[in-house]
Amino acid sequence: MKQFFQKIAEFFREVQSELKKVTYPSWPETLGSTAVVIIFVLIVGVFLTLVDLVLVRAISLVIE
């Protein structure tokens, strides 16, 4: 049981050590990345909407 708690303590020491190595993005980098994601999502949304409309029209022509 003692070994179990020692391994847990060692794990948290290693986590703390790794977290010291982390570099976080600056505010402008975060805003830029967010803008890229939003624009990409909008483009994909418009594309999927257009594909859906085309497929609905095509299927309705086949059914009629």
N, C-alpha and C. Protein backbone atom coordinates (compact mmCIF):
# COMPACT_ATOMS: atom_id res chain seq x y z
N MET A 1 0.83 -1.20 0.00
CA MET A 1 0.00 0.00 0.00
C MET A 1 0.87 1.26 0.00
N LYS A 2 2.00 1.17 0.69
CA LYS A 2 2.90 2.32 0.77
C LYS A 2 3.45 2.66 -0.62
N GLN A 3 3.77 1.62 -1.40
CA GLN A 3 4.27 1.84 -2.74
C GLN A 3 3.24 2.54 -3.62
N PHE A 4 1.99 2.20 -3.41
CA PHE A 4 0.91 2.80 -4.19
C PHE A 4 0.89 4.32 -4.00
N PHE A 5 0.97 4.77 -2.74
CA PHE A 5 0.95 6.21 -2.46
C PHE A 5 2.23 6.89 -2.92
N GLN A 6 3.34 6.17 -2.88
CA GLN A 6 4.59 6.74 -3.38
C GLN A 6 4.52 6.96 -4.89
N LYS A 7 3.89 6.02 -5.60
CA LYS A 7 3.74 6.17 -7.06
C LYS A 7 2.81 7.32 -7.39
N ILE A 8 1.77 7.49 -6.61
CA ILE A 8 0.86 8.61 -6.84
C ILE A 8 1.59 9.93 -6.61
N ALA A 9 2.36 10.03 -5.52
CA ALA A 9 3.12 11.24 -5.23
C ALA A 9 4.13 11.52 -6.34
N GLU A 10 4.79 10.47 -6.82
CA GLU A 10 5.76 10.64 -7.91
C GLU A 10 5.06 11.13 -9.18
N PHE A 11 3.89 10.57 -9.45
CA PHE A 11 3.13 11.00 -10.63
C PHE A 11 2.84 12.49 -10.56
N PHE A 12 2.37 12.98 -9.42
CA PHE A 12 2.04 14.40 -9.31
C PHE A 12 3.28 15.29 -9.36
N ARG A 13 4.40 14.80 -8.86
CA ARG A 13 5.66 15.57 -9.00
C ARG A 13 6.04 15.69 -10.47
N GLU A 14 5.88 14.59 -11.22
CA GLU A 14 6.19 14.62 -12.65
C GLU A 14 5.22 15.52 -13.41
N VAL A 15 3.96 15.51 -13.03
CA VAL A 15 2.97 16.39 -13.66
C VAL A 15 3.37 17.85 -13.43
N GLN A 16 3.72 18.17 -12.21
CA GLN A 16 4.12 19.54 -11.88
C GLN A 16 5.36 19.94 -12.69
N SER A 17 6.30 19.03 -12.83
CA SER A 17 7.51 19.30 -13.61
C SER A 17 7.18 19.55 -15.07
N GLU A 18 6.28 18.74 -15.63
CA GLU A 18 5.90 18.91 -17.04
C GLU A 18 5.12 20.21 -17.26
N LEU A 19 4.28 20.58 -16.31
CA LEU A 19 3.51 21.80 -16.45
C LEU A 19 4.39 23.05 -16.46
N LYS A 20 5.55 22.96 -15.84
CA LYS A 20 6.48 24.09 -15.86
C LYS A 20 7.07 24.30 -17.26
N LYS A 21 7.04 23.27 -18.09
CA LYS A 21 7.59 23.35 -19.45
C LYS A 21 6.58 23.89 -20.46
N VAL A 22 5.33 24.00 -20.06
CA VAL A 22 4.28 24.40 -20.98
C VAL A 22 4.42 25.89 -21.31
N THR A 23 4.27 26.22 -22.59
CA THR A 23 4.21 27.63 -22.98
C THR A 23 2.82 27.90 -23.55
N TYR A 24 2.18 28.89 -23.03
CA TYR A 24 0.83 29.23 -23.45
C TYR A 24 0.88 30.28 -24.55
N PRO A 25 -0.09 30.27 -25.47
CA PRO A 25 -0.07 31.26 -26.56
C PRO A 25 -0.37 32.65 -26.01
N SER A 26 0.14 33.63 -26.74
CA SER A 26 -0.14 35.02 -26.36
C SER A 26 -1.58 35.37 -26.75
N TRP A 27 -2.05 36.50 -26.27
CA TRP A 27 -3.42 36.92 -26.58
C TRP A 27 -3.65 37.10 -28.09
N PRO A 28 -2.75 37.75 -28.81
CA PRO A 28 -2.95 37.86 -30.27
C PRO A 28 -2.96 36.51 -30.97
N GLU A 29 -2.11 35.58 -30.54
CA GLU A 29 -2.11 34.24 -31.14
C GLU A 29 -3.44 33.54 -30.88
N THR A 30 -3.97 33.69 -29.68
CA THR A 30 -5.25 33.07 -29.34
C THR A 30 -6.37 33.65 -30.18
N LEU A 31 -6.40 34.96 -30.34
CA LEU A 31 -7.43 35.60 -31.16
C LEU A 31 -7.31 35.17 -32.62
N GLY A 32 -6.09 35.10 -33.12
CA GLY A 32 -5.88 34.69 -34.51
C GLY A 32 -6.34 33.26 -34.75
N SER A 33 -6.00 32.36 -33.84
CA SER A 33 -6.42 30.96 -33.98
C SER A 33 -7.93 30.84 -33.89
N THR A 34 -8.54 31.60 -32.99
CA THR A 34 -10.00 31.56 -32.86
C THR A 34 -10.66 32.06 -34.13
N ALA A 35 -10.13 33.10 -34.72
CA ALA A 35 -10.69 33.64 -35.96
C ALA A 35 -10.59 32.61 -37.08
N VAL A 36 -9.46 31.93 -37.18
CA VAL A 36 -9.29 30.90 -38.21
C VAL A 36 -10.32 29.79 -38.03
N VAL A 37 -10.53 29.35 -36.80
CA VAL A 37 -11.48 28.28 -36.54
C VAL A 37 -12.90 28.72 -36.90
N ILE A 38 -13.28 29.93 -36.51
CA ILE A 38 -14.64 30.41 -36.80
C ILE A 38 -14.86 30.53 -38.30
N ILE A 39 -13.89 31.08 -39.02
CA ILE A 39 -14.01 31.21 -40.48
C ILE A 39 -14.11 29.84 -41.13
N PHE A 40 -13.28 28.91 -40.70
CA PHE A 40 -13.30 27.56 -41.27
C PHE A 40 -14.65 26.89 -41.02
N VAL A 41 -15.19 27.04 -39.83
CA VAL A 41 -16.49 26.44 -39.50
C VAL A 41 -17.58 27.05 -40.38
N LEU A 42 -17.53 28.36 -40.59
CA LEU A 42 -18.53 29.00 -41.46
C LEU A 42 -18.43 28.49 -42.90
N ILE A 43 -17.22 28.36 -43.41
CA ILE A 43 -17.02 27.88 -44.78
C ILE A 43 -17.55 26.45 -44.92
N VAL A 44 -17.21 25.59 -43.97
CA VAL A 44 -17.68 24.20 -44.03
C VAL A 44 -19.20 24.16 -43.89
N GLY A 45 -19.76 25.01 -43.04
CA GLY A 45 -21.22 25.06 -42.89
C GLY A 45 -21.92 25.45 -44.17
N VAL A 46 -21.40 26.46 -44.85
CA VAL A 46 -21.99 26.89 -46.13
C VAL A 46 -21.85 25.77 -47.16
N PHE A 47 -20.69 25.15 -47.22
CA PHE A 47 -20.48 24.06 -48.17
C PHE A 47 -21.47 22.91 -47.93
N LEU A 48 -21.61 22.50 -46.68
CA LEU A 48 -22.53 21.40 -46.38
C LEU A 48 -23.98 21.77 -46.66
N THR A 49 -24.34 23.03 -46.44
CA THR A 49 -25.69 23.48 -46.76
C THR A 49 -25.94 23.38 -48.25
N LEU A 50 -24.98 23.82 -49.05
CA LEU A 50 -25.12 23.74 -50.50
C LEU A 50 -25.20 22.29 -50.99
N VAL A 51 -24.37 21.43 -50.46
CA VAL A 51 -24.41 20.02 -50.83
C VAL A 51 -25.76 19.42 -50.46
N ASP A 52 -26.26 19.76 -49.28
CA ASP A 52 -27.57 19.26 -48.84
C ASP A 52 -28.68 19.72 -49.78
N LEU A 53 -28.66 20.99 -50.15
CA LEU A 53 -29.69 21.50 -51.06
C LEU A 53 -29.65 20.80 -52.41
N VAL A 54 -28.45 20.58 -52.94
CA VAL A 54 -28.32 19.90 -54.22
C VAL A 54 -28.83 18.47 -54.12
N LEU A 55 -28.47 17.78 -53.06
CA LEU A 55 -28.91 16.39 -52.91
C LEU A 55 -30.42 16.30 -52.71
N VAL A 56 -31.01 17.23 -51.97
CA VAL A 56 -32.45 17.23 -51.77
C VAL A 56 -33.16 17.43 -53.10
N ARG A 57 -32.68 18.37 -53.91
CA ARG A 57 -33.28 18.60 -55.23
C ARG A 57 -33.12 17.37 -56.12
N ALA A 58 -31.95 16.77 -56.12
CA ALA A 58 -31.69 15.60 -56.96
C ALA A 58 -32.59 14.44 -56.55
N ILE A 59 -32.69 14.20 -55.28
CA ILE A 59 -33.53 13.09 -54.80
C ILE A 59 -34.99 13.35 -55.08
N SER A 60 -35.42 14.60 -54.92
CA SER A 60 -36.83 14.90 -55.20
C SER A 60 -37.14 14.74 -56.69
N LEU A 61 -36.18 15.01 -57.57
CA LEU A 61 -36.39 14.79 -59.01
C LEU A 61 -36.48 13.29 -59.33
N VAL A 62 -35.69 12.49 -58.64
CA VAL A 62 -35.70 11.05 -58.86
C VAL A 62 -37.02 10.45 -58.35
N ILE A 63 -37.48 10.92 -57.22
CA ILE A 63 -38.71 10.38 -56.63
C ILE A 63 -39.93 10.73 -57.45
N GLU A 64 -39.98 11.93 -58.00
CA GLU A 64 -41.17 12.35 -58.76
C GLU A 64 -41.25 11.75 -60.10
